[in-house]
C-alpha atoms as a PDB file:
ATOM      1  CA  MET A   1       3.650 -14.852  -9.171  1.00  0.00           C
ATOM      2  CA  ARG A   2       2.342 -12.527  -6.375  1.00  0.00           C
ATOM      3  CA  HIS A   3       4.081  -9.957  -4.056  1.00  0.00           C
ATOM      4  CA  LEU A   4       2.914  -8.363  -0.741  1.00  0.00           C
ATOM      5  CA  MET A   5       3.328  -4.308  -0.759  1.00  0.00           C
ATOM      6  CA  SER A   6       0.309  -3.613   1.562  1.00  0.00           C
ATOM      7  CA  PRO A   7      -2.127  -5.571   4.011  1.00  0.00           C
ATOM      8  CA  LEU A   8      -4.686  -4.755   1.325  1.00  0.00           C
ATOM      9  CA  ASP A   9      -3.285  -6.812  -1.049  1.00  0.00           C
ATOM     10  CA  PHE A  10      -5.114  -9.908   0.673  1.00  0.00           C
ATOM     11  CA  SER A  11      -8.695 -10.028   0.789  1.00  0.00           C
ATOM     12  CA  ILE A  12     -10.383 -10.918   4.215  1.00  0.00           C
ATOM     13  CA  GLU A  13     -11.006 -14.461   3.209  1.00  0.00           C
ATOM     14  CA  GLU A  14      -7.355 -14.774   2.011  1.00  0.00           C
ATOM     15  CA  LEU A  15      -6.225 -13.496   5.507  1.00  0.00           C
ATOM     16  CA  ASP A  16      -8.439 -16.105   7.278  1.00  0.00           C
ATOM     17  CA  ARG A  17      -6.561 -18.815   5.308  1.00  0.00           C
ATOM     18  CA  LEU A  18      -3.124 -17.327   6.157  1.00  0.00           C
ATOM     19  CA  PHE A  19      -4.111 -17.008   9.880  1.00  0.00           C
ATOM     20  CA  ASP A  20      -5.518 -20.656   9.895  1.00  0.00           C
ATOM     21  CA  LEU A  21      -2.402 -21.840   8.327  1.00  0.00           C
ATOM     22  CA  ALA A  22      -0.161 -19.794  10.798  1.00  0.00           C
ATOM     23  CA  ASN A  23      -2.143 -21.212  13.714  1.00  0.00           C
ATOM     24  CA  ASP A  24      -1.702 -24.919  12.405  1.00  0.00           C
ATOM     25  CA  ILE A  25       2.180 -23.920  12.038  1.00  0.00           C
ATOM     26  CA  GLU A  26       2.095 -22.948  15.661  1.00  0.00           C
ATOM     27  CA  LYS A  27       0.427 -26.121  16.775  1.00  0.00           C
ATOM     28  CA  ASN A  28       2.342 -28.668  14.282  1.00  0.00           C
ATOM     29  CA  SER A  29       5.484 -27.159  13.685  1.00  0.00           C
ATOM     30  CA  SER A  30       7.232 -30.468  12.717  1.00  0.00           C
ATOM     31  CA  LYS A  31       4.801 -30.902   9.742  1.00  0.00           C
ATOM     32  CA  TYR A  32       6.373 -27.780   8.043  1.00  0.00           C
ATOM     33  CA  ALA A  33       9.985 -28.382   9.053  1.00  0.00           C
ATOM     34  CA  HIS A  34      10.982 -29.282   5.415  1.00  0.00           C
ATOM     35  CA  ALA A  35       8.408 -27.346   3.509  1.00  0.00           C
ATOM     36  CA  CYS A  36      10.910 -25.036   1.979  1.00  0.00           C
ATOM     37  CA  ASP A  37      13.758 -27.583   1.381  1.00  0.00           C
ATOM     38  CA  GLY A  38      16.049 -26.244  -1.567  1.00  0.00           C
ATOM     39  CA  LYS A  39      14.414 -22.760  -1.499  1.00  0.00           C
ATOM     40  CA  THR A  40      16.075 -19.386  -0.411  1.00  0.00           C
ATOM     41  CA  LEU A  41      14.980 -16.150   1.011  1.00  0.00           C
ATOM     42  CA  ALA A  42      17.029 -12.975   0.476  1.00  0.00           C
ATOM     43  CA  THR A  43      16.687 -10.357   2.944  1.00  0.00           C
ATOM     44  CA  LEU A  44      17.412  -6.963   1.455  1.00  0.00           C
ATOM     45  CA  PHE A  45      17.545  -4.422   4.340  1.00  0.00           C
ATOM     46  CA  TYR A  46      18.641  -0.915   3.420  1.00  0.00           C
ATOM     47  CA  GLU A  47      17.655   0.097   6.888  1.00  0.00           C
ATOM     48  CA  PRO A  48      18.786  -1.433  10.332  1.00  0.00           C
ATOM     49  CA  SER A  49      16.391  -3.875  11.819  1.00  0.00           C
ATOM     50  CA  THR A  50      16.410  -6.784  14.475  1.00  0.00           C
ATOM     51  CA  ARG A  51      13.217  -8.173  14.930  1.00  0.00           C
ATOM     52  CA  THR A  52      11.717  -8.119  11.454  1.00  0.00           C
ATOM     53  CA  ARG A  53      15.135  -9.183   9.642  1.00  0.00           C
ATOM     54  CA  LEU A  54      15.706 -12.040  12.192  1.00  0.00           C
ATOM     55  CA  SER A  55      11.749 -12.898  12.099  1.00  0.00           C
ATOM     56  CA  PHE A  56      12.060 -13.437   8.477  1.00  0.00           C
ATOM     57  CA  GLU A  57      15.187 -15.390   8.622  1.00  0.00           C
ATOM     58  CA  SER A  58      14.053 -17.529  11.541  1.00  0.00           C
ATOM     59  CA  ALA A  59      10.705 -18.230   9.512  1.00  0.00           C
ATOM     60  CA  MET A  60      12.557 -19.441   6.508  1.00  0.00           C
ATOM     61  CA  LEU A  61      15.033 -21.551   8.550  1.00  0.00           C
ATOM     62  CA  LYS A  62      12.180 -23.196  10.382  1.00  0.00           C
ATOM     63  CA  LEU A  63      10.603 -24.097   7.066  1.00  0.00           C
ATOM     64  CA  GLY A  64      13.778 -25.598   6.101  1.00  0.00           C
ATOM     65  CA  GLY A  65      15.147 -23.276   3.614  1.00  0.00           C
ATOM     66  CA  ASN A  66      18.209 -21.148   3.236  1.00  0.00           C
ATOM     67  CA  VAL A  67      18.771 -17.405   3.730  1.00  0.00           C
ATOM     68  CA  LEU A  68      21.094 -14.898   2.260  1.00  0.00           C
ATOM     69  CA  GLY A  69      21.207 -10.902   2.105  1.00  0.00           C
ATOM     70  CA  PHE A  70      22.453  -7.888   3.788  1.00  0.00           C
ATOM     71  CA  SER A  71      21.548  -6.121   6.987  1.00  0.00           C
ATOM     72  CA  GLU A  72      22.364  -2.526   5.884  1.00  0.00           C
ATOM     73  CA  ALA A  73      22.711  -0.345   2.743  1.00  0.00           C
ATOM     74  CA  THR A  74      26.627   0.125   3.316  1.00  0.00           C
ATOM     75  CA  SER A  75      27.224  -3.450   3.051  1.00  0.00           C
ATOM     76  CA  SER A  76      25.436  -3.589  -0.212  1.00  0.00           C
ATOM     77  CA  SER A  77      26.193  -2.486  -3.771  1.00  0.00           C
ATOM     78  CA  ALA A  78      24.017   0.529  -3.054  1.00  0.00           C
ATOM     79  CA  ALA A  79      26.960   2.042  -1.447  1.00  0.00           C
ATOM     80  CA  LYS A  80      28.501   1.934  -4.862  1.00  0.00           C
ATOM     81  CA  GLY A  81      25.327   3.599  -6.514  1.00  0.00           C
ATOM     82  CA  GLU A  82      23.491   0.440  -7.761  1.00  0.00           C
ATOM     83  CA  SER A  83      19.699   1.030  -8.210  1.00  0.00           C
ATOM     84  CA  VAL A  84      17.125  -1.124  -6.363  1.00  0.00           C
ATOM     85  CA  SER A  85      16.005  -2.113  -9.688  1.00  0.00           C
ATOM     86  CA  ASP A  86      19.250  -3.632 -10.562  1.00  0.00           C
ATOM     87  CA  THR A  87      19.866  -5.226  -7.130  1.00  0.00           C
ATOM     88  CA  VAL A  88      16.585  -7.172  -7.265  1.00  0.00           C
ATOM     89  CA  SER A  89      17.307  -8.067 -10.814  1.00  0.00           C
ATOM     90  CA  VAL A  90      20.401  -9.814  -9.655  1.00  0.00           C
ATOM     91  CA  ILE A  91      18.985 -11.360  -6.439  1.00  0.00           C
ATOM     92  CA  SER A  92      16.279 -12.989  -8.648  1.00  0.00           C
ATOM     93  CA  CYS A  93      19.040 -14.936  -9.988  1.00  0.00           C
ATOM     94  CA  TYR A  94      20.095 -16.085  -6.449  1.00  0.00           C
ATOM     95  CA  ALA A  95      16.968 -16.644  -4.473  1.00  0.00           C
ATOM     96  CA  ASP A  96      13.291 -17.863  -4.571  1.00  0.00           C
ATOM     97  CA  ILE A  97      11.567 -15.020  -2.686  1.00  0.00           C
ATOM     98  CA  CYS A  98      12.814 -11.633  -1.147  1.00  0.00           C
ATOM     99  CA  ALA A  99      11.969  -9.386   1.789  1.00  0.00           C
ATOM    100  CA  MET A 100      12.969  -5.835   1.293  1.00  0.00           C
ATOM    101  CA  ARG A 101      13.096  -3.023   3.900  1.00  0.00           C
ATOM    102  CA  HIS A 102      13.897   0.510   2.687  1.00  0.00           C
ATOM    103  CA  PRO A 103      13.946   4.109   4.105  1.00  0.00           C
ATOM    104  CA  LYS A 104      12.171   5.476   0.815  1.00  0.00           C
ATOM    105  CA  GLU A 105       8.539   5.052   0.397  1.00  0.00           C
ATOM    106  CA  GLY A 106       7.538   2.869  -2.576  1.00  0.00           C
ATOM    107  CA  ALA A 107      11.078   1.335  -2.917  1.00  0.00           C
ATOM    108  CA  PRO A 108       9.851  -2.300  -2.583  1.00  0.00           C
ATOM    109  CA  MET A 109       6.990  -1.454  -5.282  1.00  0.00           C
ATOM    110  CA  VAL A 110       9.759  -0.513  -7.554  1.00  0.00           C
ATOM    111  CA  ALA A 111      11.710  -3.635  -6.839  1.00  0.00           C
ATOM    112  CA  SER A 112       8.372  -5.745  -7.435  1.00  0.00           C
ATOM    113  CA  MET A 113       8.242  -4.260 -10.954  1.00  0.00           C
ATOM    114  CA  ARG A 114      11.596  -5.825 -12.090  1.00  0.00           C
ATOM    115  CA  SER A 115      11.692  -8.669  -9.878  1.00  0.00           C
ATOM    116  CA  LYS A 116      11.258 -12.183 -11.098  1.00  0.00           C
ATOM    117  CA  ILE A 117      10.684 -13.627  -7.692  1.00  0.00           C
ATOM    118  CA  PRO A 118       7.946 -12.536  -5.034  1.00  0.00           C
ATOM    119  CA  VAL A 119       9.067  -9.409  -3.155  1.00  0.00           C
ATOM    120  CA  ILE A 120       7.575  -8.834   0.303  1.00  0.00           C
ATOM    121  CA  ASN A 121       7.575  -5.319   1.763  1.00  0.00           C
ATOM    122  CA  ALA A 122       9.234  -5.493   5.170  1.00  0.00           C
ATOM    123  CA  GLY A 123       8.864  -1.869   5.589  1.00  0.00           C
ATOM    124  CA  ASP A 124       9.178   1.308   3.443  1.00  0.00           C
ATOM    125  CA  GLY A 125       9.848   4.676   5.216  1.00  0.00           C
ATOM    126  CA  GLY A 126       6.856   5.830   7.187  1.00  0.00           C
ATOM    127  CA  HIS A 127       4.620   4.301   4.595  1.00  0.00           C
ATOM    128  CA  GLN A 128       3.744   0.772   5.141  1.00  0.00           C
ATOM    129  CA  HIS A 129       4.886  -2.299   7.310  1.00  0.00           C
ATOM    130  CA  PRO A 130       2.621  -5.062   5.999  1.00  0.00           C
ATOM    131  CA  THR A 131       4.130  -7.985   7.772  1.00  0.00           C
ATOM    132  CA  GLN A 132       4.067  -6.367  11.034  1.00  0.00           C
ATOM    133  CA  THR A 133       0.299  -5.685  10.272  1.00  0.00           C
ATOM    134  CA  LEU A 134      -0.198  -9.555   9.634  1.00  0.00           C
ATOM    135  CA  THR A 135       1.574 -10.074  12.893  1.00  0.00           C
ATOM    136  CA  ASP A 136      -0.793  -7.752  14.743  1.00  0.00           C
ATOM    137  CA  LEU A 137      -3.748  -9.189  13.135  1.00  0.00           C
ATOM    138  CA  LEU A 138      -2.760 -12.732  13.867  1.00  0.00           C
ATOM    139  CA  THR A 139      -2.030 -11.870  17.491  1.00  0.00           C
ATOM    140  CA  ILE A 140      -5.263 -10.297  18.143  1.00  0.00           C
ATOM    141  CA  ARG A 141      -7.263 -12.827  16.386  1.00  0.00           C
ATOM    142  CA  SER A 142      -5.269 -15.744  18.385  1.00  0.00           C
ATOM    143  CA  LEU A 143      -5.708 -14.167  21.702  1.00  0.00           C
ATOM    144  CA  LYS A 144      -8.801 -12.197  21.426  1.00  0.00           C
ATOM    145  CA  GLY A 145     -10.534 -14.720  19.204  1.00  0.00           C
ATOM    146  CA  ARG A 146     -11.919 -12.110  16.843  1.00  0.00           C
ATOM    147  CA  LEU A 147     -10.944  -9.241  14.700  1.00  0.00           C
ATOM    148  CA  ASP A 148     -14.279  -7.282  14.784  1.00  0.00           C
ATOM    149  CA  ASN A 149     -16.064  -5.585  17.657  1.00  0.00           C
ATOM    150  CA  LEU A 150     -12.893  -3.789  18.919  1.00  0.00           C
ATOM    151  CA  ASN A 151     -11.968  -0.646  20.264  1.00  0.00           C
ATOM    152  CA  ILE A 152      -8.336  -0.066  19.598  1.00  0.00           C
ATOM    153  CA  GLY A 153      -6.236   2.514  21.187  1.00  0.00           C
ATOM    154  CA  LEU A 154      -3.221   3.727  19.297  1.00  0.00           C
ATOM    155  CA  CYS A 155      -0.706   5.483  21.465  1.00  0.00           C
ATOM    156  CA  GLY A 156       2.631   7.600  20.789  1.00  0.00           C
ATOM    157  CA  ASP A 157       3.965   8.477  17.482  1.00  0.00           C
ATOM    158  CA  LEU A 158       0.947   8.294  15.159  1.00  0.00           C
ATOM    159  CA  LYS A 159       2.511  10.756  12.471  1.00  0.00           C
ATOM    160  CA  PHE A 160       5.459   8.530  11.581  1.00  0.00           C
ATOM    161  CA  GLY A 161       4.447   5.016  12.793  1.00  0.00           C
ATOM    162  CA  ARG A 162       4.253   2.927   9.679  1.00  0.00           C
ATOM    163  CA  THR A 163       2.836   0.204  11.888  1.00  0.00           C
ATOM    164  CA  VAL A 164       0.126   2.235  12.980  1.00  0.00           C
ATOM    165  CA  HIS A 165      -0.976   3.392   9.449  1.00  0.00           C
ATOM    166  CA  SER A 166      -0.958  -0.149   8.183  1.00  0.00           C
ATOM    167  CA  LEU A 167      -2.809  -1.578  11.079  1.00  0.00           C
ATOM    168  CA  ILE A 168      -5.734   1.251  10.542  1.00  0.00           C
ATOM    169  CA  ASN A 169      -6.073   0.459   6.890  1.00  0.00           C
ATOM    170  CA  ALA A 170      -6.236  -3.452   7.675  1.00  0.00           C
ATOM    171  CA  LEU A 171      -8.627  -3.305  10.571  1.00  0.00           C
ATOM    172  CA  ILE A 172     -11.216  -0.990   8.962  1.00  0.00           C
ATOM    173  CA  ARG A 173     -12.219  -3.874   6.750  1.00  0.00           C
ATOM    174  CA  TYR A 174     -13.781  -5.408   9.832  1.00  0.00           C
ATOM    175  CA  SER A 175     -17.210  -4.669  11.350  1.00  0.00           C
ATOM    176  CA  ASN A 176     -17.815  -2.660  14.279  1.00  0.00           C
ATOM    177  CA  ILE A 177     -14.153  -1.195  14.536  1.00  0.00           C
ATOM    178  CA  SER A 178     -13.460   2.212  16.495  1.00  0.00           C
ATOM    179  CA  PHE A 179     -10.167   3.878  17.269  1.00  0.00           C
ATOM    180  CA  THR A 180      -8.857   5.944  19.959  1.00  0.00           C
ATOM    181  CA  LEU A 181      -5.901   8.016  18.827  1.00  0.00           C
ATOM    182  CA  ILE A 182      -3.710   9.029  21.638  1.00  0.00           C
ATOM    183  CA  SER A 183      -0.805  11.277  20.791  1.00  0.00           C
ATOM    184  CA  PRO A 184       0.480  14.858  21.400  1.00  0.00           C
ATOM    185  CA  PRO A 185      -0.669  17.347  18.924  1.00  0.00           C
ATOM    186  CA  GLU A 186       2.796  17.188  17.196  1.00  0.00           C
ATOM    187  CA  LEU A 187       2.539  13.461  16.386  1.00  0.00           C
ATOM    188  CA  ARG A 188      -1.298  13.182  15.321  1.00  0.00           C
ATOM    189  CA  ILE A 189      -2.318  10.758  12.620  1.00  0.00           C
ATOM    190  CA  PRO A 190      -1.534  12.307   9.099  1.00  0.00           C
ATOM    191  CA  ASP A 191      -4.457  13.986   7.504  1.00  0.00           C
ATOM    192  CA  TYR A 192      -4.564  11.246   4.637  1.00  0.00           C
ATOM    193  CA  ILE A 193      -5.045   8.645   7.197  1.00  0.00           C
ATOM    194  CA  ARG A 194      -7.710  10.719   8.970  1.00  0.00           C
ATOM    195  CA  GLN A 195      -9.535  11.944   6.140  1.00  0.00           C
ATOM    196  CA  ASP A 196      -8.982   9.438   3.448  1.00  0.00           C
ATOM    197  CA  VAL A 197      -9.183   6.321   5.453  1.00  0.00           C
ATOM    198  CA  LEU A 198     -11.038   6.960   8.605  1.00  0.00           C
ATOM    199  CA  GLU A 199     -13.426   9.730   7.466  1.00  0.00           C
ATOM    200  CA  LYS A 200     -14.027   8.371   4.165  1.00  0.00           C
ATOM    201  CA  ASN A 201     -15.037   4.943   5.386  1.00  0.00           C
ATOM    202  CA  ASN A 202     -17.320   6.437   8.371  1.00  0.00           C
ATOM    203  CA  ILE A 203     -15.007   4.637  10.871  1.00  0.00           C
ATOM    204  CA  PRO A 204     -15.554   6.139  14.478  1.00  0.00           C
ATOM    205  CA  TYR A 205     -12.565   7.512  16.104  1.00  0.00           C
ATOM    206  CA  LYS A 206     -11.442  10.202  18.696  1.00  0.00           C
ATOM    207  CA  GLU A 207      -8.154  12.116  19.170  1.00  0.00           C
ATOM    208  CA  VAL A 208      -7.139  12.568  22.721  1.00  0.00           C
ATOM    209  CA  VAL A 209      -4.057  13.500  24.563  1.00  0.00           C
ATOM    210  CA  SER A 210      -4.442  11.773  27.794  1.00  0.00           C
ATOM    211  CA  LEU A 211      -3.483   7.986  28.011  1.00  0.00           C
ATOM    212  CA  GLU A 212      -4.895   7.658  31.522  1.00  0.00           C
ATOM    213  CA  GLN A 213      -8.301   9.093  30.477  1.00  0.00           C
ATOM    214  CA  SER A 214      -8.547   6.829  27.433  1.00  0.00           C
ATOM    215  CA  MET A 215      -7.874   3.167  28.824  1.00  0.00           C
ATOM    216  CA  ASP A 216     -10.981   2.298  30.439  1.00  0.00           C
ATOM    217  CA  ASN A 217     -12.922   0.944  27.322  1.00  0.00           C
ATOM    218  CA  LEU A 218     -10.194  -0.367  25.233  1.00  0.00           C
ATOM    219  CA  ASP A 219     -10.021  -3.881  23.944  1.00  0.00           C
ATOM    220  CA  ILE A 220      -6.415  -3.208  22.481  1.00  0.00           C
ATOM    221  CA  LEU A 221      -3.738  -0.793  23.596  1.00  0.00           C
ATOM    222  CA  TYR A 222      -1.281  -0.402  20.722  1.00  0.00           C
ATOM    223  CA  MET A 223       1.872   1.260  22.005  1.00  0.00           C
ATOM    224  CA  THR A 224       4.723   2.664  19.766  1.00  0.00           C
ATOM    225  CA  ARG A 225       7.851   4.299  20.323  1.00  0.00           C
ATOM    226  CA  VAL A 226       8.705   7.987  19.444  1.00  0.00           C
ATOM    227  CA  GLN A 227      11.094   7.142  16.448  1.00  0.00           C
ATOM    228  CA  LYS A 228      14.419   9.383  16.821  1.00  0.00           C
ATOM    229  CA  GLU A 229      15.252   8.398  13.224  1.00  0.00           C
ATOM    230  CA  ARG A 230      12.295   9.916  11.792  1.00  0.00           C
ATOM    231  CA  PHE A 231      12.964  13.412  13.347  1.00  0.00           C
ATOM    232  CA  PHE A 232      14.883  16.170  11.816  1.00  0.00           C
ATOM    233  CA  ASN A 233      15.495  17.967  15.044  1.00  0.00           C
ATOM    234  CA  GLU A 234      17.102  16.490  17.967  1.00  0.00           C
ATOM    235  CA  ASP A 235      15.392  18.959  20.407  1.00  0.00           C
ATOM    236  CA  ASP A 236      12.041  17.849  19.100  1.00  0.00           C
ATOM    237  CA  TYR A 237      12.704  14.314  19.429  1.00  0.00           C
ATOM    238  CA  LEU A 238      13.875  14.634  23.221  1.00  0.00           C
ATOM    239  CA  ARG A 239      10.724  16.672  24.079  1.00  0.00           C
ATOM    240  CA  MET A 240       8.486  14.045  22.712  1.00  0.00           C
ATOM    241  CA  LYS A 241      10.214  10.614  23.547  1.00  0.00           C
ATOM    242  CA  ASP A 242       9.059  10.264  27.108  1.00  0.00           C
ATOM    243  CA  PHE A 243       5.450  11.634  26.535  1.00  0.00           C
ATOM    244  CA  TYR A 244       3.774   8.616  27.206  1.00  0.00           C
ATOM    245  CA  VAL A 245       5.077   5.769  29.720  1.00  0.00           C
ATOM    246  CA  LEU A 246       2.695   2.889  30.285  1.00  0.00           C
ATOM    247  CA  ASN A 247       3.386   1.494  33.836  1.00  0.00           C
ATOM    248  CA  LYS A 248       1.766  -0.516  36.450  1.00  0.00           C
ATOM    249  CA  LYS A 249      -0.234   2.243  38.092  1.00  0.00           C
ATOM    250  CA  LYS A 250      -2.009   2.840  34.752  1.00  0.00           C
ATOM    251  CA  MET A 251      -2.477  -0.961  33.888  1.00  0.00           C
ATOM    252  CA  ASP A 252      -4.617  -0.736  37.241  1.00  0.00           C
ATOM    253  CA  ILE A 253      -7.065   1.437  35.603  1.00  0.00           C
ATOM    254  CA  ALA A 254      -7.316  -0.508  32.321  1.00  0.00           C
ATOM    255  CA  PRO A 255      -9.848  -3.411  31.593  1.00  0.00           C
ATOM    256  CA  LYS A 256      -9.019  -6.800  32.702  1.00  0.00           C
ATOM    257  CA  ASP A 257      -9.001  -8.265  29.163  1.00  0.00           C
ATOM    258  CA  MET A 258      -7.301  -5.528  27.287  1.00  0.00           C
ATOM    259  CA  LEU A 259      -4.192  -6.405  25.425  1.00  0.00           C
ATOM    260  CA  VAL A 260      -1.047  -4.290  25.118  1.00  0.00           C
ATOM    261  CA  LEU A 261       0.701  -4.695  21.921  1.00  0.00           C
ATOM    262  CA  HIS A 262       3.840  -3.025  20.840  1.00  0.00           C
ATOM    263  CA  PRO A 263       5.825  -3.561  17.431  1.00  0.00           C
ATOM    264  CA  LEU A 264       9.178  -3.342  19.252  1.00  0.00           C
ATOM    265  CA  PRO A 265      11.817  -2.265  20.062  1.00  0.00           C
ATOM    266  CA  ARG A 266      10.538  -0.183  23.041  1.00  0.00           C
ATOM    267  CA  VAL A 267      12.705   2.354  24.791  1.00  0.00           C
ATOM    268  CA  ASN A 268      10.736   4.055  27.748  1.00  0.00           C
ATOM    269  CA  GLU A 269       7.172   3.938  26.592  1.00  0.00           C
ATOM    270  CA  ILE A 270       6.505   0.663  28.532  1.00  0.00           C
ATOM    271  CA  SER A 271       7.861   0.084  31.844  1.00  0.00           C
ATOM    272  CA  VAL A 272       9.400  -3.179  32.668  1.00  0.00           C
ATOM    273  CA  ASP A 273       6.985  -3.648  35.551  1.00  0.00           C
ATOM    274  CA  VAL A 274       4.205  -4.247  32.959  1.00  0.00           C
ATOM    275  CA  ASP A 275       6.126  -7.214  31.477  1.00  0.00           C
ATOM    276  CA  ASN A 276       4.483  -9.936  33.913  1.00  0.00           C
ATOM    277  CA  ASP A 277       0.923  -8.580  33.445  1.00  0.00           C
ATOM    278  CA  GLU A 278      -0.934 -11.218  31.825  1.00  0.00           C
ATOM    279  CA  ARG A 279      -2.339  -8.578  29.406  1.00  0.00           C
ATOM    280  CA  ALA A 280       1.150  -7.755  28.211  1.00  0.00           C
ATOM    281  CA  ALA A 281       1.121  -9.428  24.703  1.00  0.00           C
ATOM    282  CA  TYR A 282       4.240  -7.921  23.100  1.00  0.00           C
ATOM    283  CA  PHE A 283       6.508 -10.518  23.402  1.00  0.00           C
ATOM    284  CA  LYS A 284       3.943 -13.271  22.287  1.00  0.00           C
ATOM    285  CA  GLN A 285       3.285 -10.899  19.544  1.00  0.00           C
ATOM    286  CA  ALA A 286       6.963 -11.385  18.286  1.00  0.00           C
ATOM    287  CA  GLN A 287       6.559 -15.069  18.207  1.00  0.00           C
ATOM    288  CA  TYR A 288       3.460 -14.878  16.206  1.00  0.00           C
ATOM    289  CA  GLY A 289       5.432 -12.646  13.728  1.00  0.00           C
ATOM    290  CA  VAL A 290       7.468 -15.884  13.055  1.00  0.00           C
ATOM    291  CA  TYR A 291       4.296 -17.646  12.333  1.00  0.00           C
ATOM    292  CA  ALA A 292       2.805 -15.127  10.302  1.00  0.00           C
ATOM    293  CA  ARG A 293       5.908 -14.791   8.090  1.00  0.00           C
ATOM    294  CA  MET A 294       6.184 -18.534   7.703  1.00  0.00           C
ATOM    295  CA  ALA A 295       2.771 -18.694   6.487  1.00  0.00           C
ATOM    296  CA  LEU A 296       3.270 -15.616   4.102  1.00  0.00           C
ATOM    297  CA  ILE A 297       6.387 -17.397   2.656  1.00  0.00           C
ATOM    298  CA  LEU A 298       4.518 -20.698   2.022  1.00  0.00           C
ATOM    299  CA  THR A 299       1.519 -18.774   0.481  1.00  0.00           C
ATOM    300  CA  LEU A 300       3.561 -16.562  -1.877  1.00  0.00           C
ATOM    301  CA  LEU A 301       5.722 -19.629  -2.884  1.00  0.00           C
ATOM    302  CA  GLU A 302       2.639 -21.659  -3.360  1.00  0.00           C
ATOM    303  CA  VAL A 303       4.007 -24.424  -1.275  1.00  0.00           C
ATOM    304  CA  GLU A 304       1.252 -27.211  -0.688  1.00  0.00           C
ATOM    305  CA  ILE A 305       1.582 -29.129   2.609  1.00  0.00           C
ATOM    306  CA  CYS A 306       0.347 -32.898   2.376  1.00  0.00           C
END
């Protein structure tokens, strides 16, 4: 039995096989329509989510499986004080695989230590979001044709953005990767990412404040929202939330083949006038998220397709 806690749980070779499977699902969906007949996915979401939870549910349903679970802690026995360990021990009796989102870092890892079924980390606090990273990597590979030789701009909330932290950890394993880290000083990348990941692995990066002055040589621009739920002070959030807005005028100075990604939901950081730009890939990214999770479910359940 295998779990997914971090994007690093899969080797580069395993990721290639996972993405090949996802691309085959994209092209031949009918071949997989009954791959998980009789299997059940439990979605244990202690924190609000739309895309991630529904993407998991859509993935399992498209594979012919069933779904059960809860969408917030208040609708589970956590409201009565039940521990994560006890919850997953019970869920192991009901389902074949589970996806867990939790506001506390490490909670899915605790669950995996007690679970009798595969556990997927669907986001734990500001720590990791591995299935979003799988989605991001699949999107880049599918649309750019490669995961090496890339200059990736990461813009917005780089301090609390778990999608950013996971993506950096995953991409540094590929060759000739560099990062442009675009954020206000208050939302810069945490020291443990800067020192223990980027500098320790000799990954080229630069930290800048201006978005406009950073776009001319990017292969990928990964926008993020300023997350209100991560702020303890309302005034700080209001001051930061509109620091960056990507609009059509800024896109005019970007490379013609630059892709714009966003884990969604967006608030004000990407103007709707960008949506019709062929470089805007964030809604395609959401679709690739279903394929990535379908491939992951099949892989963790060790389902073989004839």
